[in-house]
Amino acid sequence: MPTSAPPKSGSEQKFQENVVRLILIDKQPEKALDLLSEHYRVERPILRIGLPRGEKKALGCYVHREKTIYISNSKYLYDPYVLIHEFYHHLRNVGGKHRGTERHAKEFALAFLNVV
């Protein structure tokens, strides 16, 4: 039987709503990264359009040695799922923990989208 996630605090829910709004509505992904980085107390990743050499099909990817989130094209720059998913990989990397799985990155991103 699946367990349900604990209820979010009002401030956490507001934070997540603000991040999604900045990306999706305000079209300010850089400000969303600022907010995420400040909230999680990590260095802000670089954001670039286009994929690094060798990547062809991904919507986005994170390159840990560059501390850079790459977004395949401007269409996905304003997709909160893609940006938040890749931020999770950054968060896991700079936090000194293992890189984190795709499943965890998916759950992290969906937690933000479930508040909207």
PDB file of N, CA and C in Angstrom:
ATOM      1  N   MET A   1       0.841  -1.173   0.000  1.00  0.00           N
ATOM      2  CA  MET A   1       0.000   0.000   0.000  1.00  0.00           C
ATOM      3  C   MET A   1       0.893   1.245   0.000  1.00  0.00           C
ATOM      4  N   PRO A   2       0.709   2.161  -0.959  1.00  0.00           N
ATOM      5  CA  PRO A   2       1.563   3.340  -1.019  1.00  0.00           C
ATOM      6  C   PRO A   2       1.330   4.262   0.168  1.00  0.00           C
ATOM      7  N   THR A   3       2.424   4.889   0.596  1.00  0.00           N
ATOM      8  CA  THR A   3       2.306   5.856   1.680  1.00  0.00           C
ATOM      9  C   THR A   3       2.144   7.234   1.076  1.00  0.00           C
ATOM     10  N   SER A   4       1.377   8.056   1.737  1.00  0.00           N
ATOM     11  CA  SER A   4       1.192   9.413   1.232  1.00  0.00           C
ATOM     12  C   SER A   4       2.251  10.314   1.845  1.00  0.00           C
ATOM     13  N   ALA A   5       2.622  11.344   1.110  1.00  0.00           N
ATOM     14  CA  ALA A   5       3.617  12.293   1.597  1.00  0.00           C
ATOM     15  C   ALA A   5       3.013  13.116   2.727  1.00  0.00           C
ATOM     16  N   PRO A   6       3.844  13.530   3.677  1.00  0.00           N
ATOM     17  CA  PRO A   6       3.324  14.372   4.749  1.00  0.00           C
ATOM     18  C   PRO A   6       2.863  15.708   4.175  1.00  0.00           C
ATOM     19  N   PRO A   7       1.893  16.336   4.806  1.00  0.00           N
ATOM     20  CA  PRO A   7       1.420  17.626   4.293  1.00  0.00           C
ATOM     21  C   PRO A   7       2.539  18.664   4.336  1.00  0.00           C
ATOM     22  N   LYS A   8       2.541  19.536   3.361  1.00  0.00           N
ATOM     23  CA  LYS A   8       3.547  20.591   3.283  1.00  0.00           C
ATOM     24  C   LYS A   8       3.145  21.740   4.195  1.00  0.00           C
ATOM     25  N   SER A   9       4.164  22.392   4.735  1.00  0.00           N
ATOM     26  CA  SER A   9       3.881  23.594   5.510  1.00  0.00           C
ATOM     27  C   SER A   9       3.431  24.683   4.549  1.00  0.00           C
ATOM     28  N   GLY A  10       2.727  25.659   5.061  1.00  0.00           N
ATOM     29  CA  GLY A  10       2.260  26.759   4.227  1.00  0.00           C
ATOM     30  C   GLY A  10       3.399  27.499   3.558  1.00  0.00           C
ATOM     31  N   SER A  11       4.507  27.688   4.280  1.00  0.00           N
ATOM     32  CA  SER A  11       5.639  28.414   3.697  1.00  0.00           C
ATOM     33  C   SER A  11       6.316  27.587   2.607  1.00  0.00           C
ATOM     34  N   GLU A  12       6.399  26.275   2.788  1.00  0.00           N
ATOM     35  CA  GLU A  12       7.006  25.414   1.758  1.00  0.00           C
ATOM     36  C   GLU A  12       6.129  25.400   0.509  1.00  0.00           C
ATOM     37  N   GLN A  13       4.840  25.326   0.698  1.00  0.00           N
ATOM     38  CA  GLN A  13       3.918  25.339  -0.435  1.00  0.00           C
ATOM     39  C   GLN A  13       4.026  26.658  -1.192  1.00  0.00           C
ATOM     40  N   LYS A  14       4.084  27.758  -0.474  1.00  0.00           N
ATOM     41  CA  LYS A  14       4.214  29.089  -1.090  1.00  0.00           C
ATOM     42  C   LYS A  14       5.521  29.194  -1.876  1.00  0.00           C
ATOM     43  N   PHE A  15       6.601  28.690  -1.277  1.00  0.00           N
ATOM     44  CA  PHE A  15       7.902  28.682  -1.953  1.00  0.00           C
ATOM     45  C   PHE A  15       7.811  27.919  -3.278  1.00  0.00           C
ATOM     46  N   GLN A  16       7.231  26.720  -3.242  1.00  0.00           N
ATOM     47  CA  GLN A  16       7.121  25.912  -4.453  1.00  0.00           C
ATOM     48  C   GLN A  16       6.236  26.589  -5.497  1.00  0.00           C
ATOM     49  N   GLU A  17       5.153  27.195  -5.057  1.00  0.00           N
ATOM     50  CA  GLU A  17       4.288  27.928  -5.990  1.00  0.00           C
ATOM     51  C   GLU A  17       5.050  29.069  -6.653  1.00  0.00           C
ATOM     52  N   ASN A  18       5.849  29.793  -5.873  1.00  0.00           N
ATOM     53  CA  ASN A  18       6.629  30.904  -6.413  1.00  0.00           C
ATOM     54  C   ASN A  18       7.632  30.439  -7.455  1.00  0.00           C
ATOM     55  N   VAL A  19       8.298  29.321  -7.193  1.00  0.00           N
ATOM     56  CA  VAL A  19       9.271  28.787  -8.147  1.00  0.00           C
ATOM     57  C   VAL A  19       8.578  28.442  -9.462  1.00  0.00           C
ATOM     58  N   VAL A  20       7.462  27.730  -9.380  1.00  0.00           N
ATOM     59  CA  VAL A  20       6.730  27.339 -10.590  1.00  0.00           C
ATOM     60  C   VAL A  20       6.229  28.576 -11.338  1.00  0.00           C
ATOM     61  N   ARG A  21       5.702  29.557 -10.610  1.00  0.00           N
ATOM     62  CA  ARG A  21       5.217  30.780 -11.244  1.00  0.00           C
ATOM     63  C   ARG A  21       6.334  31.522 -11.968  1.00  0.00           C
ATOM     64  N   LEU A  22       7.492  31.626 -11.328  1.00  0.00           N
ATOM     65  CA  LEU A  22       8.626  32.308 -11.956  1.00  0.00           C
ATOM     66  C   LEU A  22       9.010  31.662 -13.284  1.00  0.00           C
ATOM     67  N   ILE A  23       8.957  30.352 -13.345  1.00  0.00           N
ATOM     68  CA  ILE A  23       9.340  29.640 -14.566  1.00  0.00           C
ATOM     69  C   ILE A  23       8.229  29.684 -15.604  1.00  0.00           C
ATOM     70  N   LEU A  24       7.053  29.284 -15.220  1.00  0.00           N
ATOM     71  CA  LEU A  24       5.954  29.061 -16.160  1.00  0.00           C
ATOM     72  C   LEU A  24       5.226  30.336 -16.571  1.00  0.00           C
ATOM     73  N   ILE A  25       4.912  31.189 -15.631  1.00  0.00           N
ATOM     74  CA  ILE A  25       4.094  32.377 -15.896  1.00  0.00           C
ATOM     75  C   ILE A  25       4.962  33.602 -16.190  1.00  0.00           C
ATOM     76  N   ASP A  26       5.923  33.873 -15.283  1.00  0.00           N
ATOM     77  CA  ASP A  26       6.746  35.075 -15.412  1.00  0.00           C
ATOM     78  C   ASP A  26       7.882  34.919 -16.423  1.00  0.00           C
ATOM     79  N   LYS A  27       8.152  33.681 -16.834  1.00  0.00           N
ATOM     80  CA  LYS A  27       9.219  33.391 -17.810  1.00  0.00           C
ATOM     81  C   LYS A  27      10.573  33.904 -17.311  1.00  0.00           C
ATOM     82  N   GLN A  28      10.848  33.633 -16.023  1.00  0.00           N
ATOM     83  CA  GLN A  28      12.099  34.055 -15.408  1.00  0.00           C
ATOM     84  C   GLN A  28      12.804  32.864 -14.744  1.00  0.00           C
ATOM     85  N   PRO A  29      13.293  31.929 -15.558  1.00  0.00           N
ATOM     86  CA  PRO A  29      13.938  30.743 -14.977  1.00  0.00           C
ATOM     87  C   PRO A  29      15.191  31.073 -14.165  1.00  0.00           C
ATOM     88  N   GLU A  30      15.905  32.135 -14.536  1.00  0.00           N
ATOM     89  CA  GLU A  30      17.103  32.525 -13.778  1.00  0.00           C
ATOM     90  C   GLU A  30      16.720  32.926 -12.346  1.00  0.00           C
ATOM     91  N   LYS A  31      15.637  33.672 -12.203  1.00  0.00           N
ATOM     92  CA  LYS A  31      15.176  34.068 -10.863  1.00  0.00           C
ATOM     93  C   LYS A  31      14.707  32.847 -10.077  1.00  0.00           C
ATOM     94  N   ALA A  32      14.090  31.897 -10.759  1.00  0.00           N
ATOM     95  CA  ALA A  32      13.673  30.661 -10.089  1.00  0.00           C
ATOM     96  C   ALA A  32      14.897  29.912  -9.560  1.00  0.00           C
ATOM     97  N   LEU A  33      15.970  29.868 -10.344  1.00  0.00           N
ATOM     98  CA  LEU A  33      17.198  29.216  -9.877  1.00  0.00           C
ATOM     99  C   LEU A  33      17.803  29.966  -8.696  1.00  0.00           C
ATOM    100  N   ASP A  34      17.714  31.297  -8.725  1.00  0.00           N
ATOM    101  CA  ASP A  34      18.186  32.082  -7.578  1.00  0.00           C
ATOM    102  C   ASP A  34      17.414  31.695  -6.316  1.00  0.00           C
ATOM    103  N   LEU A  35      16.103  31.621  -6.443  1.00  0.00           N
ATOM    104  CA  LEU A  35      15.241  31.285  -5.311  1.00  0.00           C
ATOM    105  C   LEU A  35      15.520  29.868  -4.805  1.00  0.00           C
ATOM    106  N   LEU A  36      15.628  28.921  -5.713  1.00  0.00           N
ATOM    107  CA  LEU A  36      15.927  27.534  -5.332  1.00  0.00           C
ATOM    108  C   LEU A  36      17.279  27.441  -4.631  1.00  0.00           C
ATOM    109  N   SER A  37      18.274  28.096  -5.193  1.00  0.00           N
ATOM    110  CA  SER A  37      19.625  28.035  -4.619  1.00  0.00           C
ATOM    111  C   SER A  37      19.674  28.658  -3.236  1.00  0.00           C
ATOM    112  N   GLU A  38      18.985  29.766  -3.075  1.00  0.00           N
ATOM    113  CA  GLU A  38      18.941  30.422  -1.766  1.00  0.00           C
ATOM    114  C   GLU A  38      18.216  29.531  -0.751  1.00  0.00           C
ATOM    115  N   HIS A  39      17.097  28.978  -1.160  1.00  0.00           N
ATOM    116  CA  HIS A  39      16.290  28.141  -0.266  1.00  0.00           C
ATOM    117  C   HIS A  39      17.071  26.916   0.220  1.00  0.00           C
ATOM    118  N   TYR A  40      17.785  26.271  -0.706  1.00  0.00           N
ATOM    119  CA  TYR A  40      18.522  25.051  -0.362  1.00  0.00           C
ATOM    120  C   TYR A  40      19.971  25.330   0.030  1.00  0.00           C
ATOM    121  N   ARG A  41      20.339  26.614   0.049  1.00  0.00           N
ATOM    122  CA  ARG A  41      21.670  27.050   0.481  1.00  0.00           C
ATOM    123  C   ARG A  41      22.789  26.370  -0.295  1.00  0.00           C
ATOM    124  N   VAL A  42      22.674  26.460  -1.616  1.00  0.00           N
ATOM    125  CA  VAL A  42      23.703  25.922  -2.495  1.00  0.00           C
ATOM    126  C   VAL A  42      24.096  26.985  -3.516  1.00  0.00           C
ATOM    127  N   GLU A  43      25.257  26.800  -4.081  1.00  0.00           N
ATOM    128  CA  GLU A  43      25.711  27.667  -5.161  1.00  0.00           C
ATOM    129  C   GLU A  43      24.736  27.552  -6.333  1.00  0.00           C
ATOM    130  N   ARG A  44      24.460  28.661  -6.971  1.00  0.00           N
ATOM    131  CA  ARG A  44      23.523  28.682  -8.092  1.00  0.00           C
ATOM    132  C   ARG A  44      24.174  28.060  -9.332  1.00  0.00           C
ATOM    133  N   PRO A  45      23.472  27.134  -9.984  1.00  0.00           N
ATOM    134  CA  PRO A  45      24.045  26.558 -11.207  1.00  0.00           C
ATOM    135  C   PRO A  45      23.964  27.550 -12.371  1.00  0.00           C
ATOM    136  N   ILE A  46      24.832  27.354 -13.336  1.00  0.00           N
ATOM    137  CA  ILE A  46      24.776  28.109 -14.581  1.00  0.00           C
ATOM    138  C   ILE A  46      23.641  27.521 -15.402  1.00  0.00           C
ATOM    139  N   LEU A  47      22.976  28.345 -16.190  1.00  0.00           N
ATOM    140  CA  LEU A  47      21.881  27.881 -17.049  1.00  0.00           C
ATOM    141  C   LEU A  47      22.249  28.186 -18.493  1.00  0.00           C
ATOM    142  N   ARG A  48      22.195  27.165 -19.349  1.00  0.00           N
ATOM    143  CA  ARG A  48      22.541  27.335 -20.760  1.00  0.00           C
ATOM    144  C   ARG A  48      21.490  26.684 -21.645  1.00  0.00           C
ATOM    145  N   ILE A  49      21.280  27.297 -22.802  1.00  0.00           N
ATOM    146  CA  ILE A  49      20.398  26.719 -23.821  1.00  0.00           C
ATOM    147  C   ILE A  49      21.265  25.896 -24.764  1.00  0.00           C
ATOM    148  N   GLY A  50      20.756  24.734 -25.138  1.00  0.00           N
ATOM    149  CA  GLY A  50      21.512  23.822 -25.996  1.00  0.00           C
ATOM    150  C   GLY A  50      22.091  22.714 -25.141  1.00  0.00           C
ATOM    151  N   LEU A  51      22.300  21.576 -25.741  1.00  0.00           N
ATOM    152  CA  LEU A  51      22.823  20.427 -25.000  1.00  0.00           C
ATOM    153  C   LEU A  51      24.330  20.302 -25.196  1.00  0.00           C
ATOM    154  N   PRO A  52      25.014  19.747 -24.208  1.00  0.00           N
ATOM    155  CA  PRO A  52      26.456  19.547 -24.363  1.00  0.00           C
ATOM    156  C   PRO A  52      26.737  18.451 -25.399  1.00  0.00           C
ATOM    157  N   ARG A  53      27.956  18.435 -25.869  1.00  0.00           N
ATOM    158  CA  ARG A  53      28.382  17.448 -26.849  1.00  0.00           C
ATOM    159  C   ARG A  53      28.055  16.030 -26.357  1.00  0.00           C
ATOM    160  N   GLY A  54      27.505  15.232 -27.242  1.00  0.00           N
ATOM    161  CA  GLY A  54      27.171  13.853 -26.903  1.00  0.00           C
ATOM    162  C   GLY A  54      25.729  13.649 -26.480  1.00  0.00           C
ATOM    163  N   GLU A  55      25.054  14.704 -26.081  1.00  0.00           N
ATOM    164  CA  GLU A  55      23.636  14.611 -25.709  1.00  0.00           C
ATOM    165  C   GLU A  55      22.797  15.026 -26.905  1.00  0.00           C
ATOM    166  N   LYS A  56      21.820  14.211 -27.244  1.00  0.00           N
ATOM    167  CA  LYS A  56      21.003  14.555 -28.404  1.00  0.00           C
ATOM    168  C   LYS A  56      19.512  14.555 -28.118  1.00  0.00           C
ATOM    169  N   LYS A  57      19.065  13.672 -27.256  1.00  0.00           N
ATOM    170  CA  LYS A  57      17.622  13.485 -27.086  1.00  0.00           C
ATOM    171  C   LYS A  57      17.049  14.078 -25.812  1.00  0.00           C
ATOM    172  N   ALA A  58      17.889  14.416 -24.859  1.00  0.00           N
ATOM    173  CA  ALA A  58      17.390  14.894 -23.567  1.00  0.00           C
ATOM    174  C   ALA A  58      16.731  16.265 -23.696  1.00  0.00           C
ATOM    175  N   LEU A  59      15.721  16.506 -22.878  1.00  0.00           N
ATOM    176  CA  LEU A  59      15.113  17.838 -22.807  1.00  0.00           C
ATOM    177  C   LEU A  59      16.021  18.776 -22.020  1.00  0.00           C
ATOM    178  N   GLY A  60      16.717  18.205 -21.062  1.00  0.00           N
ATOM    179  CA  GLY A  60      17.662  18.954 -20.253  1.00  0.00           C
ATOM    180  C   GLY A  60      18.653  17.993 -19.631  1.00  0.00           C
ATOM    181  N   CYS A  61      19.777  18.511 -19.196  1.00  0.00           N
ATOM    182  CA  CYS A  61      20.738  17.671 -18.476  1.00  0.00           C
ATOM    183  C   CYS A  61      21.601  18.557 -17.582  1.00  0.00           C
ATOM    184  N   TYR A  62      22.194  17.922 -16.592  1.00  0.00           N
ATOM    185  CA  TYR A  62      23.064  18.617 -15.660  1.00  0.00           C
ATOM    186  C   TYR A  62      24.467  18.051 -15.800  1.00  0.00           C
ATOM    187  N   VAL A  63      25.451  18.933 -15.963  1.00  0.00           N
ATOM    188  CA  VAL A  63      26.849  18.520 -16.051  1.00  0.00           C
ATOM    189  C   VAL A  63      27.529  18.969 -14.765  1.00  0.00           C
ATOM    190  N   HIS A  64      27.823  17.997 -13.900  1.00  0.00           N
ATOM    191  CA  HIS A  64      28.300  18.326 -12.551  1.00  0.00           C
ATOM    192  C   HIS A  64      29.659  18.989 -12.550  1.00  0.00           C
ATOM    193  N   ARG A  65      30.571  18.623 -13.424  1.00  0.00           N
ATOM    194  CA  ARG A  65      31.902  19.243 -13.396  1.00  0.00           C
ATOM    195  C   ARG A  65      31.856  20.719 -13.807  1.00  0.00           C
ATOM    196  N   GLU A  66      30.812  21.111 -14.528  1.00  0.00           N
ATOM    197  CA  GLU A  66      30.636  22.510 -14.936  1.00  0.00           C
ATOM    198  C   GLU A  66      29.623  23.250 -14.047  1.00  0.00           C
ATOM    199  N   LYS A  67      28.923  22.477 -13.206  1.00  0.00           N
ATOM    200  CA  LYS A  67      27.825  23.029 -12.391  1.00  0.00           C
ATOM    201  C   LYS A  67      26.854  23.805 -13.283  1.00  0.00           C
ATOM    202  N   THR A  68      26.464  23.135 -14.362  1.00  0.00           N
ATOM    203  CA  THR A  68      25.633  23.777 -15.386  1.00  0.00           C
ATOM    204  C   THR A  68      24.424  22.930 -15.728  1.00  0.00           C
ATOM    205  N   ILE A  69      23.272  23.596 -15.789  1.00  0.00           N
ATOM    206  CA  ILE A  69      22.049  22.978 -16.284  1.00  0.00           C
ATOM    207  C   ILE A  69      21.917  23.383 -17.743  1.00  0.00           C
ATOM    208  N   TYR A  70      21.825  22.383 -18.609  1.00  0.00           N
ATOM    209  CA  TYR A  70      21.607  22.617 -20.031  1.00  0.00           C
ATOM    210  C   TYR A  70      20.154  22.294 -20.348  1.00  0.00           C
ATOM    211  N   ILE A  71      19.516  23.181 -21.070  1.00  0.00           N
ATOM    212  CA  ILE A  71      18.139  22.971 -21.531  1.00  0.00           C
ATOM    213  C   ILE A  71      18.193  22.894 -23.052  1.00  0.00           C
ATOM    214  N   SER A  72      17.570  21.872 -23.625  1.00  0.00           N
ATOM    215  CA  SER A  72      17.730  21.592 -25.053  1.00  0.00           C
ATOM    216  C   SER A  72      17.373  22.765 -25.954  1.00  0.00           C
ATOM    217  N   ASN A  73      16.276  23.456 -25.666  1.00  0.00           N
ATOM    218  CA  ASN A  73      15.909  24.630 -26.464  1.00  0.00           C
ATOM    219  C   ASN A  73      14.993  25.522 -25.635  1.00  0.00           C
ATOM    220  N   SER A  74      14.726  26.706 -26.160  1.00  0.00           N
ATOM    221  CA  SER A  74      13.974  27.691 -25.376  1.00  0.00           C
ATOM    222  C   SER A  74      12.555  27.227 -25.044  1.00  0.00           C
ATOM    223  N   LYS A  75      12.016  26.290 -25.811  1.00  0.00           N
ATOM    224  CA  LYS A  75      10.685  25.757 -25.505  1.00  0.00           C
ATOM    225  C   LYS A  75      10.658  25.136 -24.106  1.00  0.00           C
ATOM    226  N   TYR A  76      11.724  24.459 -23.731  1.00  0.00           N
ATOM    227  CA  TYR A  76      11.768  23.772 -22.437  1.00  0.00           C
ATOM    228  C   TYR A  76      12.359  24.636 -21.331  1.00  0.00           C
ATOM    229  N   LEU A  77      12.858  25.814 -21.672  1.00  0.00           N
ATOM    230  CA  LEU A  77      13.402  26.715 -20.675  1.00  0.00           C
ATOM    231  C   LEU A  77      12.322  27.143 -19.686  1.00  0.00           C
ATOM    232  N   TYR A  78      11.075  27.180 -20.149  1.00  0.00           N
ATOM    233  CA  TYR A  78       9.953  27.618 -19.316  1.00  0.00           C
ATOM    234  C   TYR A  78       9.078  26.455 -18.868  1.00  0.00           C
ATOM    235  N   ASP A  79       9.638  25.264 -18.890  1.00  0.00           N
ATOM    236  CA  ASP A  79       8.941  24.070 -18.403  1.00  0.00           C
ATOM    237  C   ASP A  79       9.436  23.804 -16.991  1.00  0.00           C
ATOM    238  N   PRO A  80       8.598  24.049 -15.978  1.00  0.00           N
ATOM    239  CA  PRO A  80       9.064  23.892 -14.598  1.00  0.00           C
ATOM    240  C   PRO A  80       9.558  22.485 -14.287  1.00  0.00           C
ATOM    241  N   TYR A  81       8.937  21.479 -14.871  1.00  0.00           N
ATOM    242  CA  TYR A  81       9.370  20.108 -14.588  1.00  0.00           C
ATOM    243  C   TYR A  81      10.830  19.913 -14.987  1.00  0.00           C
ATOM    244  N   VAL A  82      11.178  20.335 -16.193  1.00  0.00           N
ATOM    245  CA  VAL A  82      12.538  20.120 -16.706  1.00  0.00           C
ATOM    246  C   VAL A  82      13.562  20.864 -15.846  1.00  0.00           C
ATOM    247  N   LEU A  83      13.312  22.141 -15.581  1.00  0.00           N
ATOM    248  CA  LEU A  83      14.278  22.942 -14.834  1.00  0.00           C
ATOM    249  C   LEU A  83      14.427  22.450 -13.391  1.00  0.00           C
ATOM    250  N   ILE A  84      13.329  22.153 -12.735  1.00  0.00           N
ATOM    251  CA  ILE A  84      13.389  21.695 -11.339  1.00  0.00           C
ATOM    252  C   ILE A  84      14.016  20.304 -11.255  1.00  0.00           C
ATOM    253  N   HIS A  85      13.721  19.455 -12.215  1.00  0.00           N
ATOM    254  CA  HIS A  85      14.318  18.116 -12.274  1.00  0.00           C
ATOM    255  C   HIS A  85      15.843  18.234 -12.357  1.00  0.00           C
ATOM    256  N   GLU A  86      16.327  19.084 -13.251  1.00  0.00           N
ATOM    257  CA  GLU A  86      17.772  19.242 -13.403  1.00  0.00           C
ATOM    258  C   GLU A  86      18.388  19.935 -12.187  1.00  0.00           C
ATOM    259  N   PHE A  87      17.651  20.839 -11.558  1.00  0.00           N
ATOM    260  CA  PHE A  87      18.151  21.465 -10.337  1.00  0.00           C
ATOM    261  C   PHE A  87      18.366  20.404  -9.250  1.00  0.00           C
ATOM    262  N   TYR A  88      17.503  19.406  -9.195  1.00  0.00           N
ATOM    263  CA  TYR A  88      17.673  18.337  -8.210  1.00  0.00           C
ATOM    264  C   TYR A  88      19.041  17.673  -8.373  1.00  0.00           C
ATOM    265  N   HIS A  89      19.436  17.415  -9.620  1.00  0.00           N
ATOM    266  CA  HIS A  89      20.748  16.799  -9.850  1.00  0.00           C
ATOM    267  C   HIS A  89      21.866  17.720  -9.350  1.00  0.00           C
ATOM    268  N   HIS A  90      21.715  19.010  -9.562  1.00  0.00           N
ATOM    269  CA  HIS A  90      22.689  19.983  -9.045  1.00  0.00           C
ATOM    270  C   HIS A  90      22.710  19.936  -7.515  1.00  0.00           C
ATOM    271  N   LEU A  91      21.554  19.943  -6.916  1.00  0.00           N
ATOM    272  CA  LEU A  91      21.435  19.926  -5.462  1.00  0.00           C
ATOM    273  C   LEU A  91      22.134  18.701  -4.875  1.00  0.00           C
ATOM    274  N   ARG A  92      21.925  17.561  -5.455  1.00  0.00           N
ATOM    275  CA  ARG A  92      22.555  16.331  -4.970  1.00  0.00           C
ATOM    276  C   ARG A  92      24.060  16.376  -5.162  1.00  0.00           C
ATOM    277  N   ASN A  93      24.503  16.951  -6.259  1.00  0.00           N
ATOM    278  CA  ASN A  93      25.937  16.997  -6.545  1.00  0.00           C
ATOM    279  C   ASN A  93      26.676  17.957  -5.612  1.00  0.00           C
ATOM    280  N   VAL A  94      26.198  19.186  -5.472  1.00  0.00           N
ATOM    281  CA  VAL A  94      26.908  20.158  -4.633  1.00  0.00           C
ATOM    282  C   VAL A  94      26.716  19.880  -3.151  1.00  0.00           C
ATOM    283  N   GLY A  95      25.715  19.091  -2.816  1.00  0.00           N
ATOM    284  CA  GLY A  95      25.498  18.720  -1.423  1.00  0.00           C
ATOM    285  C   GLY A  95      26.435  17.628  -0.952  1.00  0.00           C
ATOM    286  N   GLY A  96      27.294  17.138  -1.849  1.00  0.00           N
ATOM    287  CA  GLY A  96      28.268  16.115  -1.486  1.00  0.00           C
ATOM    288  C   GLY A  96      27.688  14.718  -1.430  1.00  0.00           C
ATOM    289  N   LYS A  97      26.449  14.556  -1.857  1.00  0.00           N
ATOM    290  CA  LYS A  97      25.829  13.238  -1.860  1.00  0.00           C
ATOM    291  C   LYS A  97      25.960  12.636  -3.254  1.00  0.00           C
ATOM    292  N   HIS A  98      25.623  11.376  -3.363  1.00  0.00           N
ATOM    293  CA  HIS A  98      25.684  10.764  -4.687  1.00  0.00           C
ATOM    294  C   HIS A  98      24.778  11.516  -5.640  1.00  0.00           C
ATOM    295  N   ARG A  99      24.904  11.235  -6.883  1.00  0.00           N
ATOM    296  CA  ARG A  99      24.243  12.040  -7.898  1.00  0.00           C
ATOM    297  C   ARG A  99      22.724  11.983  -7.849  1.00  0.00           C
ATOM    298  N   GLY A 100      22.157  11.040  -7.175  1.00  0.00           N
ATOM    299  CA  GLY A 100      20.689  10.986  -7.120  1.00  0.00           C
ATOM    300  C   GLY A 100      20.132  10.291  -8.345  1.00  0.00           C
ATOM    301  N   THR A 101      19.072   9.587  -8.156  1.00  0.00           N
ATOM    302  CA  THR A 101      18.505   8.826  -9.250  1.00  0.00           C
ATOM    303  C   THR A 101      17.497   9.652 -10.028  1.00  0.00           C
ATOM    304  N   GLU A 102      17.198   9.179 -11.210  1.00  0.00           N
ATOM    305  CA  GLU A 102      16.176   9.835 -12.026  1.00  0.00           C
ATOM    306  C   GLU A 102      14.826   9.796 -11.315  1.00  0.00           C
ATOM    307  N   ARG A 103      14.561   8.708 -10.621  1.00  0.00           N
ATOM    308  CA  ARG A 103      13.293   8.596  -9.897  1.00  0.00           C
ATOM    309  C   ARG A 103      13.173   9.680  -8.831  1.00  0.00           C
ATOM    310  N   HIS A 104      14.252   9.910  -8.093  1.00  0.00           N
ATOM    311  CA  HIS A 104      14.218  10.951  -7.070  1.00  0.00           C
ATOM    312  C   HIS A 104      14.090  12.338  -7.690  1.00  0.00           C
ATOM    313  N   ALA A 105      14.766  12.567  -8.804  1.00  0.00           N
ATOM    314  CA  ALA A 105      14.660  13.867  -9.490  1.00  0.00           C
ATOM    315  C   ALA A 105      13.230  14.082  -9.986  1.00  0.00           C
ATOM    316  N   LYS A 106      12.618  13.021 -10.476  1.00  0.00           N
ATOM    317  CA  LYS A 106      11.231  13.107 -10.942  1.00  0.00           C
ATOM    318  C   LYS A 106      10.298  13.447  -9.782  1.00  0.00           C
ATOM    319  N   GLU A 107      10.460  12.753  -8.664  1.00  0.00           N
ATOM    320  CA  GLU A 107       9.611  12.999  -7.492  1.00  0.00           C
ATOM    321  C   GLU A 107       9.803  14.414  -6.949  1.00  0.00           C
ATOM    322  N   PHE A 108      11.039  14.901  -6.952  1.00  0.00           N
ATOM    323  CA  PHE A 108      11.335  16.253  -6.482  1.00  0.00           C
ATOM    324  C   PHE A 108      10.590  17.272  -7.347  1.00  0.00           C
ATOM    325  N   ALA A 109      10.697  17.133  -8.658  1.00  0.00           N
ATOM    326  CA  ALA A 109      10.040  18.063  -9.582  1.00  0.00           C
ATOM    327  C   ALA A 109       8.520  17.976  -9.459  1.00  0.00           C
ATOM    328  N   LEU A 110       7.995  16.773  -9.372  1.00  0.00           N
ATOM    329  CA  LEU A 110       6.539  16.613  -9.279  1.00  0.00           C
ATOM    330  C   LEU A 110       5.982  17.187  -7.980  1.00  0.00           C
ATOM    331  N   ALA A 111       6.779  17.170  -6.917  1.00  0.00           N
ATOM    332  CA  ALA A 111       6.323  17.767  -5.652  1.00  0.00           C
ATOM    333  C   ALA A 111       6.045  19.251  -5.830  1.00  0.00           C
ATOM    334  N   PHE A 112       6.836  19.916  -6.653  1.00  0.00           N
ATOM    335  CA  PHE A 112       6.590  21.341  -6.930  1.00  0.00           C
ATOM    336  C   PHE A 112       5.350  21.518  -7.770  1.00  0.00           C
ATOM    337  N   LEU A 113       5.152  20.643  -8.724  1.00  0.00           N
ATOM    338  CA  LEU A 113       4.023  20.790  -9.641  1.00  0.00           C
ATOM    339  C   LEU A 113       2.700  20.388  -9.009  1.00  0.00           C
ATOM    340  N   ASN A 114       2.738  19.587  -7.984  1.00  0.00           N
ATOM    341  CA  ASN A 114       1.507  19.168  -7.323  1.00  0.00           C
ATOM    342  C   ASN A 114       0.905  20.254  -6.452  1.00  0.00           C
ATOM    343  N   VAL A 115       1.596  21.356  -6.243  1.00  0.00           N
ATOM    344  CA  VAL A 115       1.043  22.444  -5.425  1.00  0.00           C
ATOM    345  C   VAL A 115       0.222  23.405  -6.270  1.00  0.00           C
ATOM    346  N   VAL A 116       0.408  23.332  -7.576  1.00  0.00           N
ATOM    347  CA  VAL A 116      -0.275  24.281  -8.477  1.00  0.00           C
ATOM    348  C   VAL A 116      -1.640  23.781  -8.861  1.00  0.00           C
TER     349      VAL A 116
END
